[in-house]
Amino acid sequence: MDDMTEKMLASSTIDDPVETRQLFLDMEASLPIAVRFTENGIKGLKQQLPELEITKDKVFTIEKLLYSGDMGGILCTVSAADNEKQTIISITHLKVDPSHPLADRTQQYQRKRTLALAIANSGTRRSATKPKRKRRGFGS
């Protein structure tokens, strides 16, 4: 992992630096990884690359990983076996093959990241606060 990636991980407010670093390193060690695109991933890529043939059943391969900080999290360079073109997409738009040893950890990262992004975009806090009880009677 290079110095720039380490700096971005250390300053991340969306991802847990320790968990993300370990997942990143474990994924790098087990490349290539078979993946499929999520529905949102397909929609986004069809807008950007209409010539790329993407279906929810088509298998792609993660060739390389990058970390882009809070903006994109773990990014993956993916390609299909029948296509030389590569594209870069956030791991949150991919489904890792369920038989892969890192599938559960990847899915957990995706859920945490999606939730943290939703919270960050809503402007609310991550931990829910209890509503104040109305006091009645003496001392209110």
C-alpha atoms as a PDB file:
ATOM      1  CA  MET A   1       0.000   0.000   0.000  1.00  0.00           C
ATOM      2  CA  ASP A   2       1.488   3.339  -0.998  1.00  0.00           C
ATOM      3  CA  ASP A   3       1.852   6.474   1.153  1.00  0.00           C
ATOM      4  CA  MET A   4      -0.991   8.367  -0.568  1.00  0.00           C
ATOM      5  CA  THR A   5      -3.410   5.514   0.121  1.00  0.00           C
ATOM      6  CA  GLU A   6      -2.284   5.411   3.762  1.00  0.00           C
ATOM      7  CA  LYS A   7      -2.871   9.167   4.119  1.00  0.00           C
ATOM      8  CA  MET A   8      -6.356   8.920   2.604  1.00  0.00           C
ATOM      9  CA  LEU A   9      -7.235   6.009   4.885  1.00  0.00           C
ATOM     10  CA  ALA A  10      -5.995   7.884   7.944  1.00  0.00           C
ATOM     11  CA  SER A  11      -8.122  10.927   7.127  1.00  0.00           C
ATOM     12  CA  SER A  12     -11.271   9.035   6.141  1.00  0.00           C
ATOM     13  CA  THR A  13     -14.478   9.992   7.912  1.00  0.00           C
ATOM     14  CA  ILE A  14     -16.633   7.460   6.050  1.00  0.00           C
ATOM     15  CA  ASP A  15     -14.560   4.252   6.227  1.00  0.00           C
ATOM     16  CA  ASP A  16     -13.016   2.641   9.284  1.00  0.00           C
ATOM     17  CA  PRO A  17      -9.281   2.946   8.482  1.00  0.00           C
ATOM     18  CA  VAL A  18      -8.223  -0.313  10.164  1.00  0.00           C
ATOM     19  CA  GLU A  19     -10.975  -2.516   8.698  1.00  0.00           C
ATOM     20  CA  THR A  20     -10.709  -0.920   5.260  1.00  0.00           C
ATOM     21  CA  ARG A  21      -6.914  -1.260   5.134  1.00  0.00           C
ATOM     22  CA  GLN A  22      -7.113  -4.941   6.059  1.00  0.00           C
ATOM     23  CA  LEU A  23      -9.874  -5.656   3.525  1.00  0.00           C
ATOM     24  CA  PHE A  24      -7.936  -3.772   0.836  1.00  0.00           C
ATOM     25  CA  LEU A  25      -4.741  -5.748   1.537  1.00  0.00           C
ATOM     26  CA  ASP A  26      -6.591  -9.086   1.678  1.00  0.00           C
ATOM     27  CA  MET A  27      -8.399  -8.354  -1.573  1.00  0.00           C
ATOM     28  CA  GLU A  28      -5.145  -7.303  -3.273  1.00  0.00           C
ATOM     29  CA  ALA A  29      -3.567 -10.588  -2.211  1.00  0.00           C
ATOM     30  CA  SER A  30      -6.408 -12.615  -3.731  1.00  0.00           C
ATOM     31  CA  LEU A  31      -6.739 -10.843  -7.113  1.00  0.00           C
ATOM     32  CA  PRO A  32      -8.295 -11.506  -9.588  1.00  0.00           C
ATOM     33  CA  ILE A  33     -11.772 -11.679  -8.036  1.00  0.00           C
ATOM     34  CA  ALA A  34     -14.944 -12.583  -9.949  1.00  0.00           C
ATOM     35  CA  VAL A  35     -17.780 -10.048  -9.586  1.00  0.00           C
ATOM     36  CA  ARG A  36     -21.102  -9.023 -11.065  1.00  0.00           C
ATOM     37  CA  PHE A  37     -22.556  -5.515 -11.205  1.00  0.00           C
ATOM     38  CA  THR A  38     -25.424  -4.423  -8.959  1.00  0.00           C
ATOM     39  CA  GLU A  39     -28.505  -2.805 -10.536  1.00  0.00           C
ATOM     40  CA  ASN A  40     -27.206   0.678  -9.627  1.00  0.00           C
ATOM     41  CA  GLY A  41     -23.804  -0.184 -11.040  1.00  0.00           C
ATOM     42  CA  ILE A  42     -25.353  -1.287 -14.336  1.00  0.00           C
ATOM     43  CA  LYS A  43     -27.426   1.904 -14.599  1.00  0.00           C
ATOM     44  CA  GLY A  44     -24.431   4.134 -13.915  1.00  0.00           C
ATOM     45  CA  LEU A  45     -22.129   2.377 -16.347  1.00  0.00           C
ATOM     46  CA  LYS A  46     -24.705   2.260 -19.136  1.00  0.00           C
ATOM     47  CA  GLN A  47     -24.902   6.060 -18.926  1.00  0.00           C
ATOM     48  CA  GLN A  48     -21.111   6.419 -19.070  1.00  0.00           C
ATOM     49  CA  LEU A  49     -20.272   3.569 -21.451  1.00  0.00           C
ATOM     50  CA  PRO A  50     -23.330   2.670 -23.543  1.00  0.00           C
ATOM     51  CA  GLU A  51     -21.214   0.444 -25.822  1.00  0.00           C
ATOM     52  CA  LEU A  52     -20.208  -1.812 -22.926  1.00  0.00           C
ATOM     53  CA  GLU A  53     -22.418  -4.880 -22.758  1.00  0.00           C
ATOM     54  CA  ILE A  54     -23.467  -5.291 -19.128  1.00  0.00           C
ATOM     55  CA  THR A  55     -26.117  -7.559 -17.674  1.00  0.00           C
ATOM     56  CA  LYS A  56     -26.718  -8.638 -14.088  1.00  0.00           C
ATOM     57  CA  ASP A  57     -25.528 -12.172 -14.948  1.00  0.00           C
ATOM     58  CA  LYS A  58     -22.326 -11.216 -16.776  1.00  0.00           C
ATOM     59  CA  VAL A  59     -19.180 -11.997 -14.795  1.00  0.00           C
ATOM     60  CA  PHE A  60     -16.371  -9.455 -14.601  1.00  0.00           C
ATOM     61  CA  THR A  61     -12.988  -9.674 -12.928  1.00  0.00           C
ATOM     62  CA  ILE A  62     -11.379  -7.226 -10.509  1.00  0.00           C
ATOM     63  CA  GLU A  63      -7.860  -6.717 -11.849  1.00  0.00           C
ATOM     64  CA  LYS A  64      -6.596  -3.919  -9.598  1.00  0.00           C
ATOM     65  CA  LEU A  65      -7.639  -1.965  -6.495  1.00  0.00           C
ATOM     66  CA  LEU A  66      -7.300   1.718  -5.620  1.00  0.00           C
ATOM     67  CA  TYR A  67      -8.428   3.685  -2.588  1.00  0.00           C
ATOM     68  CA  SER A  68      -9.957   7.097  -3.238  1.00  0.00           C
ATOM     69  CA  GLY A  69     -10.822   8.224   0.282  1.00  0.00           C
ATOM     70  CA  ASP A  70     -14.277   9.407   1.284  1.00  0.00           C
ATOM     71  CA  MET A  71     -15.242  10.199  -2.303  1.00  0.00           C
ATOM     72  CA  GLY A  72     -15.245   6.648  -3.673  1.00  0.00           C
ATOM     73  CA  GLY A  73     -13.813   4.286  -1.092  1.00  0.00           C
ATOM     74  CA  ILE A  74     -12.288   1.133  -2.543  1.00  0.00           C
ATOM     75  CA  LEU A  75     -12.262   1.430  -6.327  1.00  0.00           C
ATOM     76  CA  CYS A  76     -11.879  -1.575  -8.597  1.00  0.00           C
ATOM     77  CA  THR A  77     -10.504  -1.836 -12.115  1.00  0.00           C
ATOM     78  CA  VAL A  78     -12.758  -4.452 -13.715  1.00  0.00           C
ATOM     79  CA  SER A  79     -12.921  -6.133 -17.097  1.00  0.00           C
ATOM     80  CA  ALA A  80     -14.906  -8.922 -18.734  1.00  0.00           C
ATOM     81  CA  ALA A  81     -13.229 -11.992 -20.182  1.00  0.00           C
ATOM     82  CA  ASP A  82     -14.622 -11.195 -23.659  1.00  0.00           C
ATOM     83  CA  ASN A  83     -13.647  -7.509 -23.589  1.00  0.00           C
ATOM     84  CA  GLU A  84     -10.262  -5.811 -23.351  1.00  0.00           C
ATOM     85  CA  LYS A  85     -11.785  -2.571 -22.055  1.00  0.00           C
ATOM     86  CA  GLN A  86     -11.397  -1.904 -18.376  1.00  0.00           C
ATOM     87  CA  THR A  87     -13.480   0.394 -16.243  1.00  0.00           C
ATOM     88  CA  ILE A  88     -13.083   1.710 -12.709  1.00  0.00           C
ATOM     89  CA  ILE A  89     -16.010   1.494 -10.325  1.00  0.00           C
ATOM     90  CA  SER A  90     -16.598   1.650  -6.582  1.00  0.00           C
ATOM     91  CA  ILE A  91     -16.790  -1.706  -4.874  1.00  0.00           C
ATOM     92  CA  THR A  92     -20.215  -0.710  -3.541  1.00  0.00           C
ATOM     93  CA  HIS A  93     -21.578  -1.278  -7.085  1.00  0.00           C
ATOM     94  CA  LEU A  94     -20.239  -4.833  -7.328  1.00  0.00           C
ATOM     95  CA  LYS A  95     -21.328  -8.220  -6.013  1.00  0.00           C
ATOM     96  CA  VAL A  96     -18.411 -10.489  -5.140  1.00  0.00           C
ATOM     97  CA  ASP A  97     -18.824 -14.166  -5.998  1.00  0.00           C
ATOM     98  CA  PRO A  98     -20.505 -15.661  -2.880  1.00  0.00           C
ATOM     99  CA  SER A  99     -18.053 -18.587  -2.843  1.00  0.00           C
ATOM    100  CA  HIS A 100     -15.071 -16.230  -2.525  1.00  0.00           C
ATOM    101  CA  PRO A 101     -13.509 -16.221   0.977  1.00  0.00           C
ATOM    102  CA  LEU A 102     -13.782 -12.412   1.196  1.00  0.00           C
ATOM    103  CA  ALA A 103     -17.406 -12.193   0.023  1.00  0.00           C
ATOM    104  CA  ASP A 104     -18.878 -11.684   3.518  1.00  0.00           C
ATOM    105  CA  ARG A 105     -16.304  -9.053   4.540  1.00  0.00           C
ATOM    106  CA  THR A 106     -16.771  -7.223   1.259  1.00  0.00           C
ATOM    107  CA  GLN A 107     -20.539  -7.194   1.717  1.00  0.00           C
ATOM    108  CA  GLN A 108     -20.120  -5.933   5.280  1.00  0.00           C
ATOM    109  CA  TYR A 109     -17.857  -3.091   4.029  1.00  0.00           C
ATOM    110  CA  GLN A 110     -20.433  -2.209   1.363  1.00  0.00           C
ATOM    111  CA  ARG A 111     -23.266  -2.029   3.895  1.00  0.00           C
ATOM    112  CA  LYS A 112     -21.261   0.076   6.369  1.00  0.00           C
ATOM    113  CA  ARG A 113     -20.065   2.437   3.640  1.00  0.00           C
ATOM    114  CA  THR A 114     -23.520   2.856   2.120  1.00  0.00           C
ATOM    115  CA  LEU A 115     -25.001   3.601   5.556  1.00  0.00           C
ATOM    116  CA  ALA A 116     -22.204   6.040   6.448  1.00  0.00           C
ATOM    117  CA  LEU A 117     -22.658   7.851   3.112  1.00  0.00           C
ATOM    118  CA  ALA A 118     -26.417   8.080   3.631  1.00  0.00           C
ATOM    119  CA  ILE A 119     -25.876   9.525   7.097  1.00  0.00           C
ATOM    120  CA  ALA A 120     -23.209  11.955   5.857  1.00  0.00           C
ATOM    121  CA  ASN A 121     -25.486  13.124   3.027  1.00  0.00           C
ATOM    122  CA  SER A 122     -28.468  13.596   5.340  1.00  0.00           C
ATOM    123  CA  GLY A 123     -26.567  15.831   7.734  1.00  0.00           C
ATOM    124  CA  THR A 124     -27.576  13.805  10.795  1.00  0.00           C
ATOM    125  CA  ARG A 125     -25.322  12.166  13.325  1.00  0.00           C
ATOM    126  CA  ARG A 126     -24.252   8.572  13.148  1.00  0.00           C
ATOM    127  CA  SER A 127     -25.496   7.663  16.640  1.00  0.00           C
ATOM    128  CA  ALA A 128     -29.137   8.247  17.408  1.00  0.00           C
ATOM    129  CA  THR A 129     -29.820  10.487  20.358  1.00  0.00           C
ATOM    130  CA  LYS A 130     -32.605   9.871  22.799  1.00  0.00           C
ATOM    131  CA  PRO A 131     -35.398  12.425  22.716  1.00  0.00           C
ATOM    132  CA  LYS A 132     -35.642  14.475  25.884  1.00  0.00           C
ATOM    133  CA  ARG A 133     -38.466  13.482  28.171  1.00  0.00           C
ATOM    134  CA  LYS A 134     -40.973  16.082  29.076  1.00  0.00           C
ATOM    135  CA  ARG A 135     -40.860  16.800  32.764  1.00  0.00           C
ATOM    136  CA  ARG A 136     -44.061  17.179  34.665  1.00  0.00           C
ATOM    137  CA  GLY A 137     -44.759  18.330  38.134  1.00  0.00           C
ATOM    138  CA  PHE A 138     -42.371  19.956  40.580  1.00  0.00           C
ATOM    139  CA  GLY A 139     -38.932  20.931  39.425  1.00  0.00           C
ATOM    140  CA  SER A 140     -39.780  21.362  35.746  1.00  0.00           C
END
